[in-house]
Structures are given as C-alpha cells and as structure tokens.
Amino acid sequence: MGNYNRELTLADIPLPGTELLERQVIADAVNDPDTIGEVAGFVFPEYFSSDGRRFIWNAIIGMFNAREPIDMVSVWQRTGKAYIEEIQTKDITPSARQGFIDHARLLQIANTKKRAYYAALTILQQSASVQTSEDDIFAAAETLSQKIKAGGQTVGESSLNAVLSDVAEEIEADEVAAKQGKSIQIGTGIPTLTRLLDGGWWKGDLIILAARPSVGKTALMLQFAKTAARNGKPVLLFSLEMTKSRLGRRLILSTGRITKQEMRGASVDWDKFEEAQREIGDLPISINDEVRTARGIVSRMTLAANRGECEIAMIDHLNMHKLDDSGNSSVSHKIGLVTHEYKAAAKRLGIPIVLLVQLNRDSAKEKRPPELYDLRESGDIEQDADVVLMLDQRWDAGMVKEDGDTPYLDIWIRKNREGVKNVKIPTKPNDTYTVFTEIASAGDYPQPPPPMPSPTPSPVQQTFESEDADFDDPDIPF
C-alpha cells in the first residue's frame, strides 16, 4: 500500500512540460496565418521554452506584421535549420482556426502554471531561510499572485477604444449606483474639501496628509476613516506609531459620549461607553499596528482588497516605516521607493491610499503654513502624490490654551492634480480634538504660495525624527 500520509516533495510535483504544445501552435500558425492576429494577442515569445521555438515564433509574427505570405516554405526560408528540427521532423499535424485558438489557449494556461511553479519556489526558498521575516513571506505571496495574474505581456498596452469602453462601463456603474442612492466617490466629511476634490477620494490616488508633530493629522485621518466607513466603504488602517488601543480610545472620544478625563482612568459611565461602542463598533474599519514595512503593508492591503474588505487604506505614518537597510542609498531615496510602491498599489488595487507624513518644524519657526517645498527632503513624495493636504494650527486672538481652548485647524490643499490648489479650509475642533467641523467656505480663503525662501537645507534625518514626546503629553492636541 502507498503511504498517503507522507509529505509531498518537489519530486512529486514536476514542472509541467509544454514542448509538444509549443510545436503544435507554431504548426497551426503556419497552416492558418489568418488567425495569427487573434492568437498573437495572448501568446507571447516567452511562452516558448526553447531558443529555437522562440526564434520561429518571432519570425512568424514579424512576417505577419509585415504582411508577408506565410506558409511552410516561406517560414523555412526565414528560419532554416530551426524550423526543420523543431517542426518539420516532429510529425506535427496542423489544425484549422478553432484548433489553433484552442491550442494557443492551452499554451497560455500552461504558461500560467509555469509562472505559479517558479513563483512558489521563491516562497519555498524564503520559507527555508532563517533570515526571512513574516513580512517577506507576505510580500512574496503577493508577488506570486501578481506574477500569476500578469500573464507575461497580457497586461500592458490597451487600445484607445478599449480604454473608452472601460470608461463607459465605469460611468454606467456610477449611474446605477447613483439611482440606488449609493455613494459613488468616497467623501471626506469636510464638505468643501469633498467638493474641491471632485467628490472626494478617487480610486488609484495617493493622498498625502502632512503636518508638523502634534498638529492633528492622526485625528483628522480617523475622521476621514469614520466618514468612509459610515458610507459603507471598508477602511484598512495601518498604525506604525500608535497601538490599536490608542486609536480605539480616540475613536471612542470622537463620539462625544466619554470625556478625556474618564479615558484617563477616572470613573467611567459604562452605559455611555456602551452607547459609544454601539455607535462606532460595527463600522467596517480594520486596524493593523504590527506591520512596519511597505511590502508588508501592500501585501495585507492586497489580501483585504481581494476579499472586498478594503476600499480605502490609510497609513500612519510614512516616517515610522522600517526602511531597507541594504545598499548605500540615502534615506530620501529609500523614502521615495516607499511612496512609489504605495502609488503603484493604489493604481493596481483601484483604491485611494491616504499616507500621513510628519514634517519638520521649519514652517513653525518661520510662522507660516507648510508649503510643498517642506516636503523636498522627503524623496519623491510630491511627485508620487495626486493630492497633498497640509495642516496648520491657528490660534486666534483671545484663545488661551490653559483655559482649554483648542486651536483652529486649517486644511491647505497644496497639490491637486484634478483641480484647485493653494486653498485653505478652516475647521474648528471639538473639545477633545477628535472631530473637525468646517467653519467657512474655502472660496473665501485662496492664497497664492509665498516665494520660496533661500535654501538652507537641514539634515534629511530631521524630517524623520519621531518626536514621540509630543504625543505623550495629554494636554497637546493629537
């Protein structure tokens, strides 16, 4: 009897061979050149496992594109010995149109299996290494999925008609959703911001939310998250600095049912706590406070998006990422690689990604709102971003911090690929600095950017100092 309980090895799972199928497809192409144009859209040279067969296929495609006659003699004259050894002496019986298409599809499927085989080997090798982290495994799993789905060159250029057809389908889907009363875009919760962003957060966009330490970017992010979730959009939050519990406390505070003093250990009215929990507990928000690398975050984001559990992702914050310590590239360059990865993920997954960025204190020292040039030491953030929002606290005359006053929070749109920029949206926070309410129309607050100051660059690391003490002071706004 066979041992059905033994573990499988690579010897039990041989690499699928496709030599006969490759020769069949070539013979079919020579026999039915009129169908080559249809097959060439999903069969590519890399699907052929030998140099000889790739050479023949490239020759046939070249002849087809040049509108040259294709038959056994013309292909033999173009490829010579390769055609004789690979096709003519192998007793291959060519097929007509449907047989040609069927064989080509089988070759495409076989190539998918090959990609899966080699990608899985990479995971096996990494799994066997003691130096491999959990994030590396998740990243390798995501890469495997991408390689399997990519299909060689099947993902690439699209004709304009195909693009416009996709646009028409998107518009039709939006019309249906609107008639059903469903939200098309993901609103921000700040009316003027939503309007100026043409409806809110757009699929495929990378949104930068930048501020100096302790200005309010995490608190505003949570408000964005609640707004999206209340509109039925699942949110995935990645917190690289704070724990899940810390964020949970802030969300409870945002309901207004529990005071800050109660959250610090004073007597809690548990009936009100349960009311707050019922108000926000069922919102489709998930929080991850463990992963610290861009690859790991993108992997988890991909898994959640594929399950329909992530229609918008938010990451707090860029400057706390664990960067690749290999090579001699600068911190600025490594940060740029992180933003490149997030922009690519937003496009691939079709979701908006909100990435928080901690700025240095130059704008505070110069007593001005932050500007795009405050991002310059942070790699390619400005280049990769579709939208850049910058936050600035403003204390009006008569406000006294010791009396419990909270400063206004101005939201500046500093970059907006699709619309207006350099506009300020003033908001007024609640007493716990967890809910921000717009207090005036942004149309009343346009301001051109001031002249760029003389360059006095500070060390790159200044942008990435954690300044954790600011977050530990309970009297400083979040």
Protein backbone atom coordinates (compact mmCIF):
# COMPACT_ATOMS: atom_id res chain seq x y z
CA MET A 1 0.00 0.00 0.00
CA GLY A 2 1.14 3.52 -0.69
CA ASN A 3 1.94 5.90 2.11
CA TYR A 4 -0.78 8.53 1.67
CA ASN A 5 0.30 10.46 4.76
CA ARG A 6 3.83 11.30 3.72
CA GLU A 7 4.69 14.92 2.91
CA LEU A 8 4.97 15.95 -0.72
CA THR A 9 8.34 16.95 -2.17
CA LEU A 10 9.29 18.79 -5.34
CA ALA A 11 9.95 15.40 -6.96
CA ASP A 12 6.21 14.69 -6.63
CA ILE A 13 5.32 17.95 -8.42
CA PRO A 14 7.31 18.10 -11.67
CA LEU A 15 7.33 21.23 -13.78
CA PRO A 16 4.66 20.90 -16.49
CA GLY A 17 6.18 20.41 -19.93
CA THR A 18 4.87 22.28 -22.98
CA GLU A 19 7.28 21.34 -25.79
CA LEU A 20 4.70 19.44 -27.87
CA LEU A 21 2.08 22.15 -27.37
CA GLU A 22 4.55 24.87 -28.42
CA ARG A 23 5.36 22.99 -31.64
CA GLN A 24 1.64 22.48 -32.29
CA VAL A 25 0.92 26.22 -32.00
CA ILE A 26 3.72 27.04 -34.45
CA ALA A 27 2.47 24.44 -36.95
CA ASP A 28 -1.08 25.80 -36.60
CA ALA A 29 0.17 29.34 -37.28
CA VAL A 30 1.89 28.25 -40.49
CA ASN A 31 -1.22 26.37 -41.57
CA ASP A 32 -3.71 29.14 -40.70
CA PRO A 33 -1.94 32.55 -40.90
CA ASP A 34 -5.27 34.44 -40.97
CA THR A 35 -5.82 33.57 -37.30
CA ILE A 36 -2.37 34.74 -36.15
CA GLY A 37 -3.64 38.25 -35.38
CA GLU A 38 -6.19 36.85 -32.94
CA VAL A 39 -3.77 34.49 -31.22
CA ALA A 40 -0.90 36.99 -31.03
CA GLY A 41 -2.95 38.99 -28.53
CA PHE A 42 -2.45 36.38 -25.81
CA VAL A 43 0.53 34.23 -26.85
CA PHE A 44 3.98 35.78 -26.45
CA PRO A 45 7.56 34.74 -27.25
CA GLU A 46 8.38 34.00 -23.60
CA TYR A 47 5.75 31.24 -23.64
CA PHE A 48 8.15 29.15 -25.75
CA SER A 49 10.68 27.27 -23.67
CA SER A 50 13.50 26.91 -26.25
CA ASP A 51 15.50 29.48 -28.19
CA GLY A 52 14.64 27.72 -31.44
CA ARG A 53 10.88 27.87 -30.95
CA ARG A 54 11.03 31.48 -29.76
CA PHE A 55 13.04 32.33 -32.87
CA ILE A 56 10.44 30.71 -35.13
CA TRP A 57 7.51 32.40 -33.38
CA ASN A 58 9.17 35.83 -33.58
CA ALA A 59 9.84 35.26 -37.28
CA ILE A 60 6.20 34.32 -37.93
CA ILE A 61 4.92 37.37 -36.05
CA GLY A 62 7.35 39.59 -37.94
CA MET A 63 6.17 38.19 -41.27
CA PHE A 64 2.53 38.66 -40.24
CA ASN A 65 3.11 42.27 -39.22
CA ALA A 66 4.93 42.94 -42.49
CA ARG A 67 2.02 41.34 -44.40
CA GLU A 68 4.32 38.81 -45.99
CA PRO A 69 2.94 35.47 -47.18
CA ILE A 70 3.21 32.76 -44.52
CA ASP A 71 3.45 29.09 -45.42
CA MET A 72 5.77 26.19 -44.71
CA VAL A 73 8.24 27.18 -47.44
CA SER A 74 8.43 30.89 -46.52
CA VAL A 75 8.89 30.13 -42.81
CA TRP A 76 11.53 27.50 -43.60
CA GLN A 77 13.38 30.01 -45.78
CA ARG A 78 13.28 32.58 -42.94
CA THR A 79 14.25 30.23 -40.08
CA GLY A 80 16.16 27.41 -41.80
CA LYS A 81 17.53 24.69 -39.55
CA ALA A 82 15.44 25.71 -36.54
CA TYR A 83 12.17 25.06 -38.37
CA ILE A 84 13.34 21.68 -39.69
CA GLU A 85 14.50 20.47 -36.25
CA GLU A 86 11.61 21.83 -34.22
CA ILE A 87 8.61 21.35 -36.53
CA GLN A 88 9.15 19.53 -39.80
CA THR A 89 10.80 16.44 -38.34
CA LYS A 90 8.39 16.11 -35.40
CA ASP A 91 5.40 14.85 -37.38
CA ILE A 92 3.07 17.60 -36.12
CA THR A 93 -0.41 17.67 -37.67
CA PRO A 94 -1.55 21.30 -38.02
CA SER A 95 -5.06 22.39 -37.09
CA ALA A 96 -7.54 24.82 -38.61
CA ARG A 97 -8.77 28.03 -36.96
CA GLN A 98 -10.62 26.73 -33.89
CA GLY A 99 -7.98 24.11 -33.19
CA PHE A 100 -5.29 26.80 -33.45
CA ILE A 101 -7.13 29.01 -30.93
CA ASP A 102 -7.73 26.09 -28.56
CA HIS A 103 -4.06 25.08 -28.64
CA ALA A 104 -2.99 28.68 -28.09
CA ARG A 105 -5.28 28.97 -25.06
CA LEU A 106 -3.85 25.75 -23.63
CA LEU A 107 -0.36 27.19 -24.05
CA GLN A 108 -1.43 30.35 -22.25
CA ILE A 109 -2.83 28.28 -19.35
CA ALA A 110 0.31 26.15 -19.23
CA ASN A 111 2.42 29.30 -19.03
CA THR A 112 0.33 30.49 -16.06
CA LYS A 113 1.06 27.17 -14.34
CA LYS A 114 4.77 27.60 -15.02
CA ARG A 115 4.79 31.09 -13.53
CA ALA A 116 2.97 29.77 -10.47
CA TYR A 117 5.52 26.95 -10.17
CA TYR A 118 8.55 29.23 -10.24
CA ALA A 119 6.96 31.86 -8.02
CA ALA A 120 6.09 29.17 -5.46
CA LEU A 121 9.71 28.02 -5.48
CA THR A 122 10.70 31.52 -4.38
CA ILE A 123 8.37 31.29 -1.39
CA LEU A 124 9.73 27.85 -0.52
CA GLN A 125 13.30 29.15 -0.62
CA GLN A 126 12.44 32.15 1.55
CA SER A 127 10.49 30.00 3.98
CA ALA A 128 13.54 27.79 4.46
CA SER A 129 15.77 30.75 5.30
CA VAL A 130 16.12 31.72 8.96
CA GLN A 131 16.67 35.33 7.88
CA THR A 132 13.25 35.63 6.25
CA SER A 133 10.70 37.71 8.18
CA GLU A 134 6.93 37.32 8.19
CA ASP A 135 6.63 40.47 6.08
CA ASP A 136 8.97 38.93 3.50
CA ILE A 137 6.69 35.90 3.26
CA PHE A 138 3.57 38.04 2.81
CA ALA A 139 5.37 40.16 0.21
CA ALA A 140 6.49 37.03 -1.65
CA ALA A 141 2.91 35.72 -1.60
CA GLU A 142 1.64 38.96 -3.09
CA THR A 143 4.37 38.86 -5.74
CA LEU A 144 3.34 35.31 -6.59
CA SER A 145 -0.24 36.47 -7.11
CA GLN A 146 0.89 39.33 -9.33
CA LYS A 147 3.10 37.06 -11.43
CA ILE A 148 0.36 34.53 -11.92
CA LYS A 149 -2.22 37.17 -12.88
CA ALA A 150 0.13 39.19 -15.07
CA GLY A 151 0.36 36.56 -17.78
CA GLY A 152 3.56 37.75 -19.38
CA GLN A 153 2.65 40.70 -21.57
CA THR A 154 -1.11 40.19 -21.38
CA VAL A 155 -1.25 43.17 -19.02
CA GLY A 156 0.13 46.12 -20.91
CA GLU A 157 -0.99 48.42 -23.67
CA SER A 158 -4.68 48.91 -24.36
CA SER A 159 -6.20 50.40 -27.47
CA LEU A 160 -8.00 53.71 -27.09
CA ASN A 161 -11.30 52.01 -27.95
CA ALA A 162 -10.74 49.50 -25.14
CA VAL A 163 -9.94 52.31 -22.68
CA LEU A 164 -13.04 54.26 -23.72
CA SER A 165 -15.17 51.12 -23.36
CA ASP A 166 -13.86 50.76 -19.80
CA VAL A 167 -14.72 54.40 -19.14
CA ALA A 168 -18.25 53.84 -20.44
CA GLU A 169 -18.67 50.83 -18.14
CA GLU A 170 -17.46 52.88 -15.16
CA ILE A 171 -19.92 55.68 -15.96
CA GLU A 172 -22.77 53.22 -16.35
CA ALA A 173 -21.89 51.63 -12.99
CA ASP A 174 -21.82 55.09 -11.39
CA GLU A 175 -25.25 55.88 -12.87
CA VAL A 176 -26.71 52.67 -11.46
CA ALA A 177 -25.14 53.36 -8.04
CA ALA A 178 -26.48 56.93 -8.03
CA LYS A 179 -30.01 55.76 -8.86
CA GLN A 180 -29.77 53.29 -5.98
CA GLY A 181 -28.73 56.07 -3.64
CA LYS A 182 -25.24 54.64 -3.20
CA SER A 183 -22.15 56.79 -2.79
CA ILE A 184 -20.04 56.89 -5.94
CA GLN A 185 -16.93 58.55 -4.54
CA ILE A 186 -15.62 58.29 -1.00
CA GLY A 187 -16.47 61.53 0.78
CA THR A 188 -14.06 63.22 3.17
CA GLY A 189 -16.50 64.53 5.78
CA ILE A 190 -15.31 68.10 5.12
CA PRO A 191 -17.84 69.48 2.57
CA THR A 192 -15.59 71.98 0.79
CA LEU A 193 -12.71 69.51 0.66
CA THR A 194 -15.01 66.90 -0.87
CA ARG A 195 -16.23 69.44 -3.44
CA LEU A 196 -12.75 70.64 -4.40
CA LEU A 197 -11.58 67.04 -4.80
CA ASP A 198 -14.43 66.49 -7.26
CA GLY A 199 -16.44 64.26 -4.97
CA GLY A 200 -13.83 63.03 -2.52
CA TRP A 201 -11.12 60.40 -2.64
CA TRP A 202 -10.61 58.86 -6.08
CA LYS A 203 -9.68 55.27 -6.83
CA GLY A 204 -6.00 54.90 -7.66
CA ASP A 205 -4.95 58.14 -5.96
CA LEU A 206 -2.18 58.56 -3.41
CA ILE A 207 -3.17 61.28 -0.94
CA ILE A 208 -0.56 62.83 1.33
CA LEU A 209 -1.75 64.26 4.65
CA ALA A 210 1.19 66.20 6.06
CA ALA A 211 1.73 68.20 9.23
CA ARG A 212 4.20 69.02 11.93
CA PRO A 213 4.14 66.83 15.07
CA SER A 214 1.06 67.20 17.28
CA VAL A 215 -0.94 69.28 14.80
CA GLY A 216 -3.76 66.78 14.23
CA LYS A 217 -3.06 64.55 11.24
CA THR A 218 -3.90 61.28 13.04
CA ALA A 219 -7.13 62.71 14.46
CA LEU A 220 -8.20 64.00 11.04
CA MET A 221 -7.31 60.65 9.46
CA LEU A 222 -9.65 58.91 11.89
CA GLN A 223 -12.43 61.33 10.94
CA PHE A 224 -11.80 60.53 7.26
CA ALA A 225 -11.94 56.83 8.14
CA LYS A 226 -15.24 57.12 10.00
CA THR A 227 -16.80 59.10 7.16
CA ALA A 228 -15.82 56.46 4.60
CA ALA A 229 -16.99 53.61 6.82
CA ARG A 230 -20.35 55.26 7.51
CA ASN A 231 -20.84 55.39 3.74
CA GLY A 232 -20.29 51.65 3.51
CA LYS A 233 -16.68 51.78 2.34
CA PRO A 234 -14.45 49.30 4.21
CA VAL A 235 -11.35 51.02 5.64
CA LEU A 236 -8.00 49.44 6.46
CA LEU A 237 -5.84 51.46 8.88
CA PHE A 238 -2.14 50.85 9.40
CA SER A 239 -0.72 52.44 12.54
CA LEU A 240 3.08 52.34 12.69
CA GLU A 241 3.30 54.60 15.72
CA MET A 242 0.28 54.10 17.96
CA THR A 243 -1.30 50.92 19.24
CA LYS A 244 -4.74 49.70 18.26
CA SER A 245 -5.91 50.54 21.76
CA ARG A 246 -4.68 54.14 21.47
CA LEU A 247 -6.57 54.63 18.24
CA GLY A 248 -9.62 52.95 19.75
CA ARG A 249 -9.57 55.45 22.61
CA ARG A 250 -9.54 58.32 20.15
CA LEU A 251 -12.46 56.87 18.23
CA ILE A 252 -14.43 56.49 21.46
CA LEU A 253 -13.64 60.11 22.35
CA SER A 254 -14.85 61.24 18.93
CA THR A 255 -18.38 60.12 19.78
CA GLY A 256 -18.57 62.80 22.48
CA ARG A 257 -20.11 60.37 24.97
CA ILE A 258 -16.96 59.82 27.06
CA THR A 259 -14.75 62.60 28.40
CA LYS A 260 -10.97 62.73 28.20
CA GLN A 261 -10.79 62.64 31.99
CA GLU A 262 -12.78 59.39 32.08
CA MET A 263 -10.47 57.87 29.47
CA ARG A 264 -7.51 58.69 31.70
CA GLY A 265 -8.77 56.47 34.47
CA ALA A 266 -11.46 58.47 36.20
CA SER A 267 -14.83 56.93 36.97
CA VAL A 268 -16.36 55.80 33.68
CA ASP A 269 -20.07 55.84 32.93
CA TRP A 270 -20.19 52.40 31.33
CA ASP A 271 -23.67 52.93 29.94
CA LYS A 272 -22.32 55.84 27.89
CA PHE A 273 -19.27 53.81 26.94
CA GLU A 274 -21.53 51.06 25.59
CA GLU A 275 -23.54 53.67 23.69
CA ALA A 276 -20.31 54.93 22.11
CA GLN A 277 -19.28 51.39 21.30
CA ARG A 278 -22.61 50.70 19.62
CA GLU A 279 -22.28 53.90 17.61
CA ILE A 280 -18.94 53.05 16.01
CA GLY A 281 -18.24 49.41 16.82
CA ASP A 282 -19.89 47.99 13.71
CA LEU A 283 -18.20 50.39 11.29
CA PRO A 284 -16.18 48.48 8.65
CA ILE A 285 -12.81 49.68 9.95
CA SER A 286 -9.89 47.30 10.49
CA ILE A 287 -6.66 48.32 12.26
CA ASN A 288 -3.19 46.79 11.94
CA ASP A 289 -0.49 48.02 14.32
CA GLU A 290 2.11 45.30 13.71
CA VAL A 291 3.43 45.54 10.15
CA ARG A 292 6.17 48.15 9.65
CA THR A 293 7.40 47.73 6.07
CA ALA A 294 5.87 48.96 2.83
CA ARG A 295 6.00 45.48 1.32
CA GLY A 296 4.15 44.00 4.27
CA ILE A 297 1.54 46.76 4.23
CA VAL A 298 0.92 46.37 0.50
CA SER A 299 0.61 42.60 0.92
CA ARG A 300 -2.06 42.90 3.61
CA MET A 301 -3.77 45.65 1.65
CA THR A 302 -3.90 43.40 -1.41
CA LEU A 303 -5.34 40.46 0.51
CA ALA A 304 -8.02 42.68 2.09
CA ALA A 305 -8.90 44.36 -1.22
CA ASN A 306 -9.25 40.99 -2.94
CA ARG A 307 -11.70 39.94 -0.19
CA GLY A 308 -13.69 43.16 -0.58
CA GLU A 309 -12.56 44.36 2.86
CA CYS A 310 -10.56 47.40 1.78
CA GLU A 311 -11.91 50.16 -0.45
CA ILE A 312 -9.62 52.78 1.07
CA ALA A 313 -6.38 52.40 3.04
CA MET A 314 -4.77 54.85 5.48
CA ILE A 315 -1.21 54.66 6.78
CA ASP A 316 0.08 56.50 9.87
CA HIS A 317 2.79 57.40 9.14
CA LEU A 318 5.49 57.40 6.46
CA ASN A 319 8.32 58.46 8.73
CA MET A 320 7.93 55.45 11.02
CA HIS A 321 8.47 52.87 8.27
CA LYS A 322 11.23 50.34 8.60
CA LEU A 323 13.36 51.10 5.56
CA ASP A 324 15.52 48.74 3.57
CA ASP A 325 18.96 48.88 5.19
CA SER A 326 20.77 47.28 2.27
CA GLY A 327 22.91 49.37 -0.05
CA ASN A 328 24.27 52.85 0.43
CA SER A 329 21.32 54.89 -0.85
CA SER A 330 20.16 57.89 1.15
CA VAL A 331 17.15 57.98 3.47
CA SER A 332 15.49 60.36 1.00
CA HIS A 333 15.89 57.81 -1.81
CA LYS A 334 14.53 54.98 0.34
CA ILE A 335 11.51 57.05 1.33
CA GLY A 336 10.94 57.71 -2.36
CA LEU A 337 10.86 53.96 -3.01
CA VAL A 338 8.14 53.61 -0.35
CA THR A 339 5.92 56.28 -1.94
CA HIS A 340 6.50 54.74 -5.39
CA GLU A 341 5.27 51.41 -4.02
CA TYR A 342 2.14 52.92 -2.48
CA LYS A 343 1.27 54.83 -5.64
CA ALA A 344 1.65 51.66 -7.70
CA ALA A 345 -0.51 49.73 -5.21
CA ALA A 346 -3.25 52.38 -5.33
CA LYS A 347 -3.41 52.10 -9.12
CA ARG A 348 -3.24 48.31 -9.19
CA LEU A 349 -5.85 47.75 -6.48
CA GLY A 350 -8.09 50.62 -7.60
CA ILE A 351 -8.33 52.17 -4.14
CA PRO A 352 -7.29 55.53 -2.67
CA ILE A 353 -4.41 55.41 -0.18
CA VAL A 354 -4.06 58.17 2.42
CA LEU A 355 -0.47 58.39 3.66
CA LEU A 356 0.40 60.56 6.64
CA VAL A 357 3.72 62.41 6.63
CA GLN A 358 5.43 64.18 9.50
CA LEU A 359 7.10 67.44 8.52
CA ASN A 360 9.98 69.23 10.16
CA ARG A 361 9.41 72.39 12.19
CA ASP A 362 10.67 74.94 9.65
CA SER A 363 7.23 76.37 8.91
CA ALA A 364 6.54 76.81 12.63
CA LYS A 365 9.85 78.58 13.17
CA GLU A 366 9.11 80.87 10.23
CA LYS A 367 5.50 81.36 11.39
CA ARG A 368 3.91 80.34 8.12
CA PRO A 369 1.67 77.50 6.90
CA PRO A 370 3.57 74.50 5.48
CA GLU A 371 4.32 74.51 1.77
CA LEU A 372 5.24 71.85 -0.79
CA TYR A 373 8.91 72.72 -0.51
CA ASP A 374 8.76 71.49 3.08
CA LEU A 375 8.47 68.01 1.54
CA ARG A 376 11.60 68.35 -0.55
CA GLU A 377 13.86 66.42 1.77
CA SER A 378 11.43 63.53 1.77
CA GLY A 379 12.28 61.91 -1.56
CA ASP A 380 9.66 61.84 -4.28
CA ILE A 381 6.59 62.39 -2.11
CA GLU A 382 5.35 65.39 -4.06
CA GLN A 383 5.93 63.68 -7.40
CA ASP A 384 4.08 60.47 -6.46
CA ALA A 385 1.14 62.19 -4.76
CA ASP A 386 -2.07 63.02 -6.58
CA VAL A 387 -3.27 65.19 -3.68
CA VAL A 388 -1.23 66.86 -0.93
CA LEU A 389 -3.07 68.21 2.11
CA MET A 390 -1.15 70.17 4.74
CA LEU A 391 -2.42 71.03 8.20
CA ASP A 392 -1.73 74.17 10.19
CA GLN A 393 -2.88 75.11 13.67
CA ARG A 394 -4.09 78.66 14.14
CA TRP A 395 -4.60 80.38 17.50
CA ASP A 396 -6.84 83.43 17.19
CA ALA A 397 -6.61 86.41 19.49
CA GLY A 398 -8.14 85.73 22.87
CA MET A 399 -7.58 81.97 22.76
CA VAL A 400 -5.86 80.66 25.88
CA LYS A 401 -4.55 77.13 25.86
CA GLU A 402 -4.59 76.95 29.66
CA ASP A 403 -8.32 77.72 29.60
CA GLY A 404 -8.94 74.66 27.48
CA ASP A 405 -9.22 76.45 24.14
CA THR A 406 -8.37 74.35 21.10
CA PRO A 407 -6.78 75.97 18.03
CA TYR A 408 -8.42 76.09 14.64
CA LEU A 409 -7.11 73.52 12.17
CA ASP A 410 -6.59 74.88 8.65
CA ILE A 411 -6.52 72.29 5.88
CA TRP A 412 -4.45 73.52 2.95
CA ILE A 413 -4.79 71.88 -0.47
CA ARG A 414 -1.25 72.25 -1.76
CA LYS A 415 -1.45 69.82 -4.69
CA ASN A 416 -4.47 68.61 -6.59
CA ARG A 417 -3.92 67.03 -9.99
CA GLU A 418 -7.54 67.43 -10.98
CA GLY A 419 -8.49 70.83 -9.58
CA VAL A 420 -7.89 73.89 -7.46
CA LYS A 421 -4.95 74.15 -5.09
CA ASN A 422 -3.42 76.58 -2.58
CA VAL A 423 -6.80 76.93 -0.89
CA LYS A 424 -7.34 76.96 2.87
CA ILE A 425 -10.30 75.23 4.52
CA PRO A 426 -10.65 76.36 8.17
CA THR A 427 -12.08 73.87 10.66
CA LYS A 428 -12.96 74.09 14.33
CA PRO A 429 -12.19 71.04 16.51
CA ASN A 430 -14.30 69.81 19.39
CA ASP A 431 -13.01 69.89 22.97
CA THR A 432 -11.24 66.54 22.62
CA TYR A 433 -9.67 67.49 19.28
CA THR A 434 -11.20 64.43 17.61
CA VAL A 435 -13.91 65.95 15.38
CA PHE A 436 -13.28 68.81 12.95
CA THR A 437 -16.11 70.93 11.59
CA GLU A 438 -15.72 73.26 8.65
CA ILE A 439 -16.44 76.83 9.70
CA ALA A 440 -16.25 78.80 6.44
CA SER A 441 -16.31 78.37 2.69
CA ALA A 442 -12.92 77.65 1.23
CA GLY A 443 -13.71 80.04 -1.59
CA ASP A 444 -13.12 82.89 0.83
CA TYR A 445 -9.60 81.77 1.65
CA PRO A 446 -7.50 81.48 -1.51
CA GLN A 447 -3.85 82.32 -1.05
CA PRO A 448 -1.01 82.01 -3.54
CA PRO A 449 2.08 80.26 -2.23
CA PRO A 450 4.69 82.66 -0.81
CA PRO A 451 8.07 83.00 -2.51
CA MET A 452 10.37 80.11 -1.81
CA PRO A 453 12.91 81.07 0.86
CA SER A 454 16.61 80.86 0.29
CA PRO A 455 17.66 77.23 0.51
CA THR A 456 19.01 76.38 3.94
CA PRO A 457 18.71 72.60 3.88
CA SER A 458 18.68 70.78 7.17
CA PRO A 459 19.78 67.15 7.52
CA VAL A 460 17.47 64.64 5.92
CA GLN A 461 17.03 62.88 9.22
CA GLN A 462 15.39 65.99 10.67
CA THR A 463 12.26 65.18 8.70
CA PHE A 464 12.10 61.74 10.22
CA GLU A 465 12.68 62.43 13.90
CA SER A 466 9.96 60.69 15.84
CA GLU A 467 9.35 63.40 18.45
CA ASP A 468 7.37 60.87 20.44
CA ALA A 469 7.25 63.14 23.49
CA ASP A 470 4.77 65.38 21.71
CA PHE A 471 2.26 62.54 21.53
CA ASP A 472 2.67 61.57 25.16
CA ASP A 473 1.65 64.97 26.51
CA PRO A 474 -2.12 64.65 27.13
CA ASP A 475 -2.56 68.45 27.02
CA ILE A 476 -1.22 68.79 23.50
CA PRO A 477 -3.77 68.22 20.70
CA PHE A 478 -3.35 64.95 18.85
